[in-house]
PDBML (XML) file of the C-alpha atoms, coordinates in Angstrom:
<?xml version="1.0" encoding="UTF-8" ?>
<PDBx:datablock datablockName="MODEL"
   xmlns:PDBx="http://pdbml.pdb.org/schema/pdbx-v50.xsd"
   xmlns:xsi="http://www.w3.org/2001/XMLSchema-instance"
   xsi:schemaLocation="http://pdbml.pdb.org/schema/pdbx-v50.xsd pdbx-v50.xsd">
   <PDBx:atom_siteCategory>
      <PDBx:atom_site id="1">
         <PDBx:B_iso_or_equiv>0.00</PDBx:B_iso_or_equiv>
         <PDBx:Cartn_x>0.000</PDBx:Cartn_x>
         <PDBx:Cartn_y>0.000</PDBx:Cartn_y>
         <PDBx:Cartn_z>0.000</PDBx:Cartn_z>
         <PDBx:auth_asym_id>A</PDBx:auth_asym_id>
         <PDBx:auth_atom_id>CA</PDBx:auth_atom_id>
         <PDBx:auth_comp_id>LEU</PDBx:auth_comp_id>
         <PDBx:auth_seq_id>1</PDBx:auth_seq_id>
         <PDBx:group_PDB>ATOM</PDBx:group_PDB>
         <PDBx:label_alt_id xsi:nil="true" />
         <PDBx:label_asym_id>A</PDBx:label_asym_id>
         <PDBx:label_atom_id>CA</PDBx:label_atom_id>
         <PDBx:label_comp_id>LEU</PDBx:label_comp_id>
         <PDBx:label_entity_id>1</PDBx:label_entity_id>
         <PDBx:label_seq_id>1</PDBx:label_seq_id>
         <PDBx:occupancy>1.00</PDBx:occupancy>
         <PDBx:pdbx_PDB_model_num>1</PDBx:pdbx_PDB_model_num>
         <PDBx:type_symbol>C</PDBx:type_symbol>
      </PDBx:atom_site>
      <PDBx:atom_site id="2">
         <PDBx:B_iso_or_equiv>0.00</PDBx:B_iso_or_equiv>
         <PDBx:Cartn_x>2.972</PDBx:Cartn_x>
         <PDBx:Cartn_y>2.307</PDBx:Cartn_y>
         <PDBx:Cartn_z>0.558</PDBx:Cartn_z>
         <PDBx:auth_asym_id>A</PDBx:auth_asym_id>
         <PDBx:auth_atom_id>CA</PDBx:auth_atom_id>
         <PDBx:auth_comp_id>SER</PDBx:auth_comp_id>
         <PDBx:auth_seq_id>2</PDBx:auth_seq_id>
         <PDBx:group_PDB>ATOM</PDBx:group_PDB>
         <PDBx:label_alt_id xsi:nil="true" />
         <PDBx:label_asym_id>A</PDBx:label_asym_id>
         <PDBx:label_atom_id>CA</PDBx:label_atom_id>
         <PDBx:label_comp_id>SER</PDBx:label_comp_id>
         <PDBx:label_entity_id>1</PDBx:label_entity_id>
         <PDBx:label_seq_id>2</PDBx:label_seq_id>
         <PDBx:occupancy>1.00</PDBx:occupancy>
         <PDBx:pdbx_PDB_model_num>1</PDBx:pdbx_PDB_model_num>
         <PDBx:type_symbol>C</PDBx:type_symbol>
      </PDBx:atom_site>
      <PDBx:atom_site id="3">
         <PDBx:B_iso_or_equiv>0.00</PDBx:B_iso_or_equiv>
         <PDBx:Cartn_x>4.211</PDBx:Cartn_x>
         <PDBx:Cartn_y>1.662</PDBx:Cartn_y>
         <PDBx:Cartn_z>-2.966</PDBx:Cartn_z>
         <PDBx:auth_asym_id>A</PDBx:auth_asym_id>
         <PDBx:auth_atom_id>CA</PDBx:auth_atom_id>
         <PDBx:auth_comp_id>GLY</PDBx:auth_comp_id>
         <PDBx:auth_seq_id>3</PDBx:auth_seq_id>
         <PDBx:group_PDB>ATOM</PDBx:group_PDB>
         <PDBx:label_alt_id xsi:nil="true" />
         <PDBx:label_asym_id>A</PDBx:label_asym_id>
         <PDBx:label_atom_id>CA</PDBx:label_atom_id>
         <PDBx:label_comp_id>GLY</PDBx:label_comp_id>
         <PDBx:label_entity_id>1</PDBx:label_entity_id>
         <PDBx:label_seq_id>3</PDBx:label_seq_id>
         <PDBx:occupancy>1.00</PDBx:occupancy>
         <PDBx:pdbx_PDB_model_num>1</PDBx:pdbx_PDB_model_num>
         <PDBx:type_symbol>C</PDBx:type_symbol>
      </PDBx:atom_site>
      <PDBx:atom_site id="4">
         <PDBx:B_iso_or_equiv>0.00</PDBx:B_iso_or_equiv>
         <PDBx:Cartn_x>7.450</PDBx:Cartn_x>
         <PDBx:Cartn_y>-0.003</PDBx:Cartn_y>
         <PDBx:Cartn_z>-1.905</PDBx:Cartn_z>
         <PDBx:auth_asym_id>A</PDBx:auth_asym_id>
         <PDBx:auth_atom_id>CA</PDBx:auth_atom_id>
         <PDBx:auth_comp_id>PHE</PDBx:auth_comp_id>
         <PDBx:auth_seq_id>4</PDBx:auth_seq_id>
         <PDBx:group_PDB>ATOM</PDBx:group_PDB>
         <PDBx:label_alt_id xsi:nil="true" />
         <PDBx:label_asym_id>A</PDBx:label_asym_id>
         <PDBx:label_atom_id>CA</PDBx:label_atom_id>
         <PDBx:label_comp_id>PHE</PDBx:label_comp_id>
         <PDBx:label_entity_id>1</PDBx:label_entity_id>
         <PDBx:label_seq_id>4</PDBx:label_seq_id>
         <PDBx:occupancy>1.00</PDBx:occupancy>
         <PDBx:pdbx_PDB_model_num>1</PDBx:pdbx_PDB_model_num>
         <PDBx:type_symbol>C</PDBx:type_symbol>
      </PDBx:atom_site>
      <PDBx:atom_site id="5">
         <PDBx:B_iso_or_equiv>0.00</PDBx:B_iso_or_equiv>
         <PDBx:Cartn_x>6.394</PDBx:Cartn_x>
         <PDBx:Cartn_y>-3.363</PDBx:Cartn_y>
         <PDBx:Cartn_z>-3.366</PDBx:Cartn_z>
         <PDBx:auth_asym_id>A</PDBx:auth_asym_id>
         <PDBx:auth_atom_id>CA</PDBx:auth_atom_id>
         <PDBx:auth_comp_id>VAL</PDBx:auth_comp_id>
         <PDBx:auth_seq_id>5</PDBx:auth_seq_id>
         <PDBx:group_PDB>ATOM</PDBx:group_PDB>
         <PDBx:label_alt_id xsi:nil="true" />
         <PDBx:label_asym_id>A</PDBx:label_asym_id>
         <PDBx:label_atom_id>CA</PDBx:label_atom_id>
         <PDBx:label_comp_id>VAL</PDBx:label_comp_id>
         <PDBx:label_entity_id>1</PDBx:label_entity_id>
         <PDBx:label_seq_id>5</PDBx:label_seq_id>
         <PDBx:occupancy>1.00</PDBx:occupancy>
         <PDBx:pdbx_PDB_model_num>1</PDBx:pdbx_PDB_model_num>
         <PDBx:type_symbol>C</PDBx:type_symbol>
      </PDBx:atom_site>
      <PDBx:atom_site id="6">
         <PDBx:B_iso_or_equiv>0.00</PDBx:B_iso_or_equiv>
         <PDBx:Cartn_x>4.734</PDBx:Cartn_x>
         <PDBx:Cartn_y>-4.029</PDBx:Cartn_y>
         <PDBx:Cartn_z>-6.696</PDBx:Cartn_z>
         <PDBx:auth_asym_id>A</PDBx:auth_asym_id>
         <PDBx:auth_atom_id>CA</PDBx:auth_atom_id>
         <PDBx:auth_comp_id>GLN</PDBx:auth_comp_id>
         <PDBx:auth_seq_id>6</PDBx:auth_seq_id>
         <PDBx:group_PDB>ATOM</PDBx:group_PDB>
         <PDBx:label_alt_id xsi:nil="true" />
         <PDBx:label_asym_id>A</PDBx:label_asym_id>
         <PDBx:label_atom_id>CA</PDBx:label_atom_id>
         <PDBx:label_comp_id>GLN</PDBx:label_comp_id>
         <PDBx:label_entity_id>1</PDBx:label_entity_id>
         <PDBx:label_seq_id>6</PDBx:label_seq_id>
         <PDBx:occupancy>1.00</PDBx:occupancy>
         <PDBx:pdbx_PDB_model_num>1</PDBx:pdbx_PDB_model_num>
         <PDBx:type_symbol>C</PDBx:type_symbol>
      </PDBx:atom_site>
      <PDBx:atom_site id="7">
         <PDBx:B_iso_or_equiv>0.00</PDBx:B_iso_or_equiv>
         <PDBx:Cartn_x>3.109</PDBx:Cartn_x>
         <PDBx:Cartn_y>-7.347</PDBx:Cartn_y>
         <PDBx:Cartn_z>-7.612</PDBx:Cartn_z>
         <PDBx:auth_asym_id>A</PDBx:auth_asym_id>
         <PDBx:auth_atom_id>CA</PDBx:auth_atom_id>
         <PDBx:auth_comp_id>ILE</PDBx:auth_comp_id>
         <PDBx:auth_seq_id>7</PDBx:auth_seq_id>
         <PDBx:group_PDB>ATOM</PDBx:group_PDB>
         <PDBx:label_alt_id xsi:nil="true" />
         <PDBx:label_asym_id>A</PDBx:label_asym_id>
         <PDBx:label_atom_id>CA</PDBx:label_atom_id>
         <PDBx:label_comp_id>ILE</PDBx:label_comp_id>
         <PDBx:label_entity_id>1</PDBx:label_entity_id>
         <PDBx:label_seq_id>7</PDBx:label_seq_id>
         <PDBx:occupancy>1.00</PDBx:occupancy>
         <PDBx:pdbx_PDB_model_num>1</PDBx:pdbx_PDB_model_num>
         <PDBx:type_symbol>C</PDBx:type_symbol>
      </PDBx:atom_site>
      <PDBx:atom_site id="8">
         <PDBx:B_iso_or_equiv>0.00</PDBx:B_iso_or_equiv>
         <PDBx:Cartn_x>4.365</PDBx:Cartn_x>
         <PDBx:Cartn_y>-8.503</PDBx:Cartn_y>
         <PDBx:Cartn_z>-10.989</PDBx:Cartn_z>
         <PDBx:auth_asym_id>A</PDBx:auth_asym_id>
         <PDBx:auth_atom_id>CA</PDBx:auth_atom_id>
         <PDBx:auth_comp_id>THR</PDBx:auth_comp_id>
         <PDBx:auth_seq_id>8</PDBx:auth_seq_id>
         <PDBx:group_PDB>ATOM</PDBx:group_PDB>
         <PDBx:label_alt_id xsi:nil="true" />
         <PDBx:label_asym_id>A</PDBx:label_asym_id>
         <PDBx:label_atom_id>CA</PDBx:label_atom_id>
         <PDBx:label_comp_id>THR</PDBx:label_comp_id>
         <PDBx:label_entity_id>1</PDBx:label_entity_id>
         <PDBx:label_seq_id>8</PDBx:label_seq_id>
         <PDBx:occupancy>1.00</PDBx:occupancy>
         <PDBx:pdbx_PDB_model_num>1</PDBx:pdbx_PDB_model_num>
         <PDBx:type_symbol>C</PDBx:type_symbol>
      </PDBx:atom_site>
      <PDBx:atom_site id="9">
         <PDBx:B_iso_or_equiv>0.00</PDBx:B_iso_or_equiv>
         <PDBx:Cartn_x>2.638</PDBx:Cartn_x>
         <PDBx:Cartn_y>-11.908</PDBx:Cartn_y>
         <PDBx:Cartn_z>-11.191</PDBx:Cartn_z>
         <PDBx:auth_asym_id>A</PDBx:auth_asym_id>
         <PDBx:auth_atom_id>CA</PDBx:auth_atom_id>
         <PDBx:auth_comp_id>ALA</PDBx:auth_comp_id>
         <PDBx:auth_seq_id>9</PDBx:auth_seq_id>
         <PDBx:group_PDB>ATOM</PDBx:group_PDB>
         <PDBx:label_alt_id xsi:nil="true" />
         <PDBx:label_asym_id>A</PDBx:label_asym_id>
         <PDBx:label_atom_id>CA</PDBx:label_atom_id>
         <PDBx:label_comp_id>ALA</PDBx:label_comp_id>
         <PDBx:label_entity_id>1</PDBx:label_entity_id>
         <PDBx:label_seq_id>9</PDBx:label_seq_id>
         <PDBx:occupancy>1.00</PDBx:occupancy>
         <PDBx:pdbx_PDB_model_num>1</PDBx:pdbx_PDB_model_num>
         <PDBx:type_symbol>C</PDBx:type_symbol>
      </PDBx:atom_site>
      <PDBx:atom_site id="10">
         <PDBx:B_iso_or_equiv>0.00</PDBx:B_iso_or_equiv>
         <PDBx:Cartn_x>0.389</PDBx:Cartn_x>
         <PDBx:Cartn_y>-14.273</PDBx:Cartn_y>
         <PDBx:Cartn_z>-9.261</PDBx:Cartn_z>
         <PDBx:auth_asym_id>A</PDBx:auth_asym_id>
         <PDBx:auth_atom_id>CA</PDBx:auth_atom_id>
         <PDBx:auth_comp_id>VAL</PDBx:auth_comp_id>
         <PDBx:auth_seq_id>10</PDBx:auth_seq_id>
         <PDBx:group_PDB>ATOM</PDBx:group_PDB>
         <PDBx:label_alt_id xsi:nil="true" />
         <PDBx:label_asym_id>A</PDBx:label_asym_id>
         <PDBx:label_atom_id>CA</PDBx:label_atom_id>
         <PDBx:label_comp_id>VAL</PDBx:label_comp_id>
         <PDBx:label_entity_id>1</PDBx:label_entity_id>
         <PDBx:label_seq_id>10</PDBx:label_seq_id>
         <PDBx:occupancy>1.00</PDBx:occupancy>
         <PDBx:pdbx_PDB_model_num>1</PDBx:pdbx_PDB_model_num>
         <PDBx:type_symbol>C</PDBx:type_symbol>
      </PDBx:atom_site>
      <PDBx:atom_site id="11">
         <PDBx:B_iso_or_equiv>0.00</PDBx:B_iso_or_equiv>
         <PDBx:Cartn_x>0.898</PDBx:Cartn_x>
         <PDBx:Cartn_y>-17.984</PDBx:Cartn_y>
         <PDBx:Cartn_z>-9.906</PDBx:Cartn_z>
         <PDBx:auth_asym_id>A</PDBx:auth_asym_id>
         <PDBx:auth_atom_id>CA</PDBx:auth_atom_id>
         <PDBx:auth_comp_id>ASN</PDBx:auth_comp_id>
         <PDBx:auth_seq_id>11</PDBx:auth_seq_id>
         <PDBx:group_PDB>ATOM</PDBx:group_PDB>
         <PDBx:label_alt_id xsi:nil="true" />
         <PDBx:label_asym_id>A</PDBx:label_asym_id>
         <PDBx:label_atom_id>CA</PDBx:label_atom_id>
         <PDBx:label_comp_id>ASN</PDBx:label_comp_id>
         <PDBx:label_entity_id>1</PDBx:label_entity_id>
         <PDBx:label_seq_id>11</PDBx:label_seq_id>
         <PDBx:occupancy>1.00</PDBx:occupancy>
         <PDBx:pdbx_PDB_model_num>1</PDBx:pdbx_PDB_model_num>
         <PDBx:type_symbol>C</PDBx:type_symbol>
      </PDBx:atom_site>
      <PDBx:atom_site id="12">
         <PDBx:B_iso_or_equiv>0.00</PDBx:B_iso_or_equiv>
         <PDBx:Cartn_x>-1.821</PDBx:Cartn_x>
         <PDBx:Cartn_y>-19.979</PDBx:Cartn_y>
         <PDBx:Cartn_z>-8.123</PDBx:Cartn_z>
         <PDBx:auth_asym_id>A</PDBx:auth_asym_id>
         <PDBx:auth_atom_id>CA</PDBx:auth_atom_id>
         <PDBx:auth_comp_id>LEU</PDBx:auth_comp_id>
         <PDBx:auth_seq_id>12</PDBx:auth_seq_id>
         <PDBx:group_PDB>ATOM</PDBx:group_PDB>
         <PDBx:label_alt_id xsi:nil="true" />
         <PDBx:label_asym_id>A</PDBx:label_asym_id>
         <PDBx:label_atom_id>CA</PDBx:label_atom_id>
         <PDBx:label_comp_id>LEU</PDBx:label_comp_id>
         <PDBx:label_entity_id>1</PDBx:label_entity_id>
         <PDBx:label_seq_id>12</PDBx:label_seq_id>
         <PDBx:occupancy>1.00</PDBx:occupancy>
         <PDBx:pdbx_PDB_model_num>1</PDBx:pdbx_PDB_model_num>
         <PDBx:type_symbol>C</PDBx:type_symbol>
      </PDBx:atom_site>
      <PDBx:atom_site id="13">
         <PDBx:B_iso_or_equiv>0.00</PDBx:B_iso_or_equiv>
         <PDBx:Cartn_x>-0.810</PDBx:Cartn_x>
         <PDBx:Cartn_y>-23.025</PDBx:Cartn_y>
         <PDBx:Cartn_z>-10.159</PDBx:Cartn_z>
         <PDBx:auth_asym_id>A</PDBx:auth_asym_id>
         <PDBx:auth_atom_id>CA</PDBx:auth_atom_id>
         <PDBx:auth_comp_id>GLY</PDBx:auth_comp_id>
         <PDBx:auth_seq_id>13</PDBx:auth_seq_id>
         <PDBx:group_PDB>ATOM</PDBx:group_PDB>
         <PDBx:label_alt_id xsi:nil="true" />
         <PDBx:label_asym_id>A</PDBx:label_asym_id>
         <PDBx:label_atom_id>CA</PDBx:label_atom_id>
         <PDBx:label_comp_id>GLY</PDBx:label_comp_id>
         <PDBx:label_entity_id>1</PDBx:label_entity_id>
         <PDBx:label_seq_id>13</PDBx:label_seq_id>
         <PDBx:occupancy>1.00</PDBx:occupancy>
         <PDBx:pdbx_PDB_model_num>1</PDBx:pdbx_PDB_model_num>
         <PDBx:type_symbol>C</PDBx:type_symbol>
      </PDBx:atom_site>
      <PDBx:atom_site id="14">
         <PDBx:B_iso_or_equiv>0.00</PDBx:B_iso_or_equiv>
         <PDBx:Cartn_x>2.387</PDBx:Cartn_x>
         <PDBx:Cartn_y>-23.220</PDBx:Cartn_y>
         <PDBx:Cartn_z>-8.125</PDBx:Cartn_z>
         <PDBx:auth_asym_id>A</PDBx:auth_asym_id>
         <PDBx:auth_atom_id>CA</PDBx:auth_atom_id>
         <PDBx:auth_comp_id>TYR</PDBx:auth_comp_id>
         <PDBx:auth_seq_id>14</PDBx:auth_seq_id>
         <PDBx:group_PDB>ATOM</PDBx:group_PDB>
         <PDBx:label_alt_id xsi:nil="true" />
         <PDBx:label_asym_id>A</PDBx:label_asym_id>
         <PDBx:label_atom_id>CA</PDBx:label_atom_id>
         <PDBx:label_comp_id>TYR</PDBx:label_comp_id>
         <PDBx:label_entity_id>1</PDBx:label_entity_id>
         <PDBx:label_seq_id>14</PDBx:label_seq_id>
         <PDBx:occupancy>1.00</PDBx:occupancy>
         <PDBx:pdbx_PDB_model_num>1</PDBx:pdbx_PDB_model_num>
         <PDBx:type_symbol>C</PDBx:type_symbol>
      </PDBx:atom_site>
      <PDBx:atom_site id="15">
         <PDBx:B_iso_or_equiv>0.00</PDBx:B_iso_or_equiv>
         <PDBx:Cartn_x>0.363</PDBx:Cartn_x>
         <PDBx:Cartn_y>-24.780</PDBx:Cartn_y>
         <PDBx:Cartn_z>-5.305</PDBx:Cartn_z>
         <PDBx:auth_asym_id>A</PDBx:auth_asym_id>
         <PDBx:auth_atom_id>CA</PDBx:auth_atom_id>
         <PDBx:auth_comp_id>PHE</PDBx:auth_comp_id>
         <PDBx:auth_seq_id>15</PDBx:auth_seq_id>
         <PDBx:group_PDB>ATOM</PDBx:group_PDB>
         <PDBx:label_alt_id xsi:nil="true" />
         <PDBx:label_asym_id>A</PDBx:label_asym_id>
         <PDBx:label_atom_id>CA</PDBx:label_atom_id>
         <PDBx:label_comp_id>PHE</PDBx:label_comp_id>
         <PDBx:label_entity_id>1</PDBx:label_entity_id>
         <PDBx:label_seq_id>15</PDBx:label_seq_id>
         <PDBx:occupancy>1.00</PDBx:occupancy>
         <PDBx:pdbx_PDB_model_num>1</PDBx:pdbx_PDB_model_num>
         <PDBx:type_symbol>C</PDBx:type_symbol>
      </PDBx:atom_site>
      <PDBx:atom_site id="16">
         <PDBx:B_iso_or_equiv>0.00</PDBx:B_iso_or_equiv>
         <PDBx:Cartn_x>0.630</PDBx:Cartn_x>
         <PDBx:Cartn_y>-28.018</PDBx:Cartn_y>
         <PDBx:Cartn_z>-7.285</PDBx:Cartn_z>
         <PDBx:auth_asym_id>A</PDBx:auth_asym_id>
         <PDBx:auth_atom_id>CA</PDBx:auth_atom_id>
         <PDBx:auth_comp_id>THR</PDBx:auth_comp_id>
         <PDBx:auth_seq_id>16</PDBx:auth_seq_id>
         <PDBx:group_PDB>ATOM</PDBx:group_PDB>
         <PDBx:label_alt_id xsi:nil="true" />
         <PDBx:label_asym_id>A</PDBx:label_asym_id>
         <PDBx:label_atom_id>CA</PDBx:label_atom_id>
         <PDBx:label_comp_id>THR</PDBx:label_comp_id>
         <PDBx:label_entity_id>1</PDBx:label_entity_id>
         <PDBx:label_seq_id>16</PDBx:label_seq_id>
         <PDBx:occupancy>1.00</PDBx:occupancy>
         <PDBx:pdbx_PDB_model_num>1</PDBx:pdbx_PDB_model_num>
         <PDBx:type_symbol>C</PDBx:type_symbol>
      </PDBx:atom_site>
      <PDBx:atom_site id="17">
         <PDBx:B_iso_or_equiv>0.00</PDBx:B_iso_or_equiv>
         <PDBx:Cartn_x>4.411</PDBx:Cartn_x>
         <PDBx:Cartn_y>-27.745</PDBx:Cartn_y>
         <PDBx:Cartn_z>-7.734</PDBx:Cartn_z>
         <PDBx:auth_asym_id>A</PDBx:auth_asym_id>
         <PDBx:auth_atom_id>CA</PDBx:auth_atom_id>
         <PDBx:auth_comp_id>TYR</PDBx:auth_comp_id>
         <PDBx:auth_seq_id>17</PDBx:auth_seq_id>
         <PDBx:group_PDB>ATOM</PDBx:group_PDB>
         <PDBx:label_alt_id xsi:nil="true" />
         <PDBx:label_asym_id>A</PDBx:label_asym_id>
         <PDBx:label_atom_id>CA</PDBx:label_atom_id>
         <PDBx:label_comp_id>TYR</PDBx:label_comp_id>
         <PDBx:label_entity_id>1</PDBx:label_entity_id>
         <PDBx:label_seq_id>17</PDBx:label_seq_id>
         <PDBx:occupancy>1.00</PDBx:occupancy>
         <PDBx:pdbx_PDB_model_num>1</PDBx:pdbx_PDB_model_num>
         <PDBx:type_symbol>C</PDBx:type_symbol>
      </PDBx:atom_site>
      <PDBx:atom_site id="18">
         <PDBx:B_iso_or_equiv>0.00</PDBx:B_iso_or_equiv>
         <PDBx:Cartn_x>6.510</PDBx:Cartn_x>
         <PDBx:Cartn_y>-30.058</PDBx:Cartn_y>
         <PDBx:Cartn_z>-5.608</PDBx:Cartn_z>
         <PDBx:auth_asym_id>A</PDBx:auth_asym_id>
         <PDBx:auth_atom_id>CA</PDBx:auth_atom_id>
         <PDBx:auth_comp_id>SER</PDBx:auth_comp_id>
         <PDBx:auth_seq_id>18</PDBx:auth_seq_id>
         <PDBx:group_PDB>ATOM</PDBx:group_PDB>
         <PDBx:label_alt_id xsi:nil="true" />
         <PDBx:label_asym_id>A</PDBx:label_asym_id>
         <PDBx:label_atom_id>CA</PDBx:label_atom_id>
         <PDBx:label_comp_id>SER</PDBx:label_comp_id>
         <PDBx:label_entity_id>1</PDBx:label_entity_id>
         <PDBx:label_seq_id>18</PDBx:label_seq_id>
         <PDBx:occupancy>1.00</PDBx:occupancy>
         <PDBx:pdbx_PDB_model_num>1</PDBx:pdbx_PDB_model_num>
         <PDBx:type_symbol>C</PDBx:type_symbol>
      </PDBx:atom_site>
      <PDBx:atom_site id="19">
         <PDBx:B_iso_or_equiv>0.00</PDBx:B_iso_or_equiv>
         <PDBx:Cartn_x>9.208</PDBx:Cartn_x>
         <PDBx:Cartn_y>-27.412</PDBx:Cartn_y>
         <PDBx:Cartn_z>-5.174</PDBx:Cartn_z>
         <PDBx:auth_asym_id>A</PDBx:auth_asym_id>
         <PDBx:auth_atom_id>CA</PDBx:auth_atom_id>
         <PDBx:auth_comp_id>LEU</PDBx:auth_comp_id>
         <PDBx:auth_seq_id>19</PDBx:auth_seq_id>
         <PDBx:group_PDB>ATOM</PDBx:group_PDB>
         <PDBx:label_alt_id xsi:nil="true" />
         <PDBx:label_asym_id>A</PDBx:label_asym_id>
         <PDBx:label_atom_id>CA</PDBx:label_atom_id>
         <PDBx:label_comp_id>LEU</PDBx:label_comp_id>
         <PDBx:label_entity_id>1</PDBx:label_entity_id>
         <PDBx:label_seq_id>19</PDBx:label_seq_id>
         <PDBx:occupancy>1.00</PDBx:occupancy>
         <PDBx:pdbx_PDB_model_num>1</PDBx:pdbx_PDB_model_num>
         <PDBx:type_symbol>C</PDBx:type_symbol>
      </PDBx:atom_site>
      <PDBx:atom_site id="20">
         <PDBx:B_iso_or_equiv>0.00</PDBx:B_iso_or_equiv>
         <PDBx:Cartn_x>6.760</PDBx:Cartn_x>
         <PDBx:Cartn_y>-25.246</PDBx:Cartn_y>
         <PDBx:Cartn_z>-3.223</PDBx:Cartn_z>
         <PDBx:auth_asym_id>A</PDBx:auth_asym_id>
         <PDBx:auth_atom_id>CA</PDBx:auth_atom_id>
         <PDBx:auth_comp_id>LEU</PDBx:auth_comp_id>
         <PDBx:auth_seq_id>20</PDBx:auth_seq_id>
         <PDBx:group_PDB>ATOM</PDBx:group_PDB>
         <PDBx:label_alt_id xsi:nil="true" />
         <PDBx:label_asym_id>A</PDBx:label_asym_id>
         <PDBx:label_atom_id>CA</PDBx:label_atom_id>
         <PDBx:label_comp_id>LEU</PDBx:label_comp_id>
         <PDBx:label_entity_id>1</PDBx:label_entity_id>
         <PDBx:label_seq_id>20</PDBx:label_seq_id>
         <PDBx:occupancy>1.00</PDBx:occupancy>
         <PDBx:pdbx_PDB_model_num>1</PDBx:pdbx_PDB_model_num>
         <PDBx:type_symbol>C</PDBx:type_symbol>
      </PDBx:atom_site>
      <PDBx:atom_site id="21">
         <PDBx:B_iso_or_equiv>0.00</PDBx:B_iso_or_equiv>
         <PDBx:Cartn_x>6.165</PDBx:Cartn_x>
         <PDBx:Cartn_y>-28.017</PDBx:Cartn_y>
         <PDBx:Cartn_z>-0.681</PDBx:Cartn_z>
         <PDBx:auth_asym_id>A</PDBx:auth_asym_id>
         <PDBx:auth_atom_id>CA</PDBx:auth_atom_id>
         <PDBx:auth_comp_id>TRP</PDBx:auth_comp_id>
         <PDBx:auth_seq_id>21</PDBx:auth_seq_id>
         <PDBx:group_PDB>ATOM</PDBx:group_PDB>
         <PDBx:label_alt_id xsi:nil="true" />
         <PDBx:label_asym_id>A</PDBx:label_asym_id>
         <PDBx:label_atom_id>CA</PDBx:label_atom_id>
         <PDBx:label_comp_id>TRP</PDBx:label_comp_id>
         <PDBx:label_entity_id>1</PDBx:label_entity_id>
         <PDBx:label_seq_id>21</PDBx:label_seq_id>
         <PDBx:occupancy>1.00</PDBx:occupancy>
         <PDBx:pdbx_PDB_model_num>1</PDBx:pdbx_PDB_model_num>
         <PDBx:type_symbol>C</PDBx:type_symbol>
      </PDBx:atom_site>
      <PDBx:atom_site id="22">
         <PDBx:B_iso_or_equiv>0.00</PDBx:B_iso_or_equiv>
         <PDBx:Cartn_x>9.844</PDBx:Cartn_x>
         <PDBx:Cartn_y>-28.944</PDBx:Cartn_y>
         <PDBx:Cartn_z>-0.633</PDBx:Cartn_z>
         <PDBx:auth_asym_id>A</PDBx:auth_asym_id>
         <PDBx:auth_atom_id>CA</PDBx:auth_atom_id>
         <PDBx:auth_comp_id>VAL</PDBx:auth_comp_id>
         <PDBx:auth_seq_id>22</PDBx:auth_seq_id>
         <PDBx:group_PDB>ATOM</PDBx:group_PDB>
         <PDBx:label_alt_id xsi:nil="true" />
         <PDBx:label_asym_id>A</PDBx:label_asym_id>
         <PDBx:label_atom_id>CA</PDBx:label_atom_id>
         <PDBx:label_comp_id>VAL</PDBx:label_comp_id>
         <PDBx:label_entity_id>1</PDBx:label_entity_id>
         <PDBx:label_seq_id>22</PDBx:label_seq_id>
         <PDBx:occupancy>1.00</PDBx:occupancy>
         <PDBx:pdbx_PDB_model_num>1</PDBx:pdbx_PDB_model_num>
         <PDBx:type_symbol>C</PDBx:type_symbol>
      </PDBx:atom_site>
      <PDBx:atom_site id="23">
         <PDBx:B_iso_or_equiv>0.00</PDBx:B_iso_or_equiv>
         <PDBx:Cartn_x>10.379</PDBx:Cartn_x>
         <PDBx:Cartn_y>-25.379</PDBx:Cartn_y>
         <PDBx:Cartn_z>0.547</PDBx:Cartn_z>
         <PDBx:auth_asym_id>A</PDBx:auth_asym_id>
         <PDBx:auth_atom_id>CA</PDBx:auth_atom_id>
         <PDBx:auth_comp_id>GLY</PDBx:auth_comp_id>
         <PDBx:auth_seq_id>23</PDBx:auth_seq_id>
         <PDBx:group_PDB>ATOM</PDBx:group_PDB>
         <PDBx:label_alt_id xsi:nil="true" />
         <PDBx:label_asym_id>A</PDBx:label_asym_id>
         <PDBx:label_atom_id>CA</PDBx:label_atom_id>
         <PDBx:label_comp_id>GLY</PDBx:label_comp_id>
         <PDBx:label_entity_id>1</PDBx:label_entity_id>
         <PDBx:label_seq_id>23</PDBx:label_seq_id>
         <PDBx:occupancy>1.00</PDBx:occupancy>
         <PDBx:pdbx_PDB_model_num>1</PDBx:pdbx_PDB_model_num>
         <PDBx:type_symbol>C</PDBx:type_symbol>
      </PDBx:atom_site>
      <PDBx:atom_site id="24">
         <PDBx:B_iso_or_equiv>0.00</PDBx:B_iso_or_equiv>
         <PDBx:Cartn_x>7.793</PDBx:Cartn_x>
         <PDBx:Cartn_y>-25.897</PDBx:Cartn_y>
         <PDBx:Cartn_z>3.294</PDBx:Cartn_z>
         <PDBx:auth_asym_id>A</PDBx:auth_asym_id>
         <PDBx:auth_atom_id>CA</PDBx:auth_atom_id>
         <PDBx:auth_comp_id>LEU</PDBx:auth_comp_id>
         <PDBx:auth_seq_id>24</PDBx:auth_seq_id>
         <PDBx:group_PDB>ATOM</PDBx:group_PDB>
         <PDBx:label_alt_id xsi:nil="true" />
         <PDBx:label_asym_id>A</PDBx:label_asym_id>
         <PDBx:label_atom_id>CA</PDBx:label_atom_id>
         <PDBx:label_comp_id>LEU</PDBx:label_comp_id>
         <PDBx:label_entity_id>1</PDBx:label_entity_id>
         <PDBx:label_seq_id>24</PDBx:label_seq_id>
         <PDBx:occupancy>1.00</PDBx:occupancy>
         <PDBx:pdbx_PDB_model_num>1</PDBx:pdbx_PDB_model_num>
         <PDBx:type_symbol>C</PDBx:type_symbol>
      </PDBx:atom_site>
   </PDBx:atom_siteCategory>
</PDBx:datablock>
């Protein structure tokens, strides 16, 4: 909201990627 971060992409499909859960 302060403008210090800008969202460039949202990838909801990554929830199915194994690398995401490897990170967890």
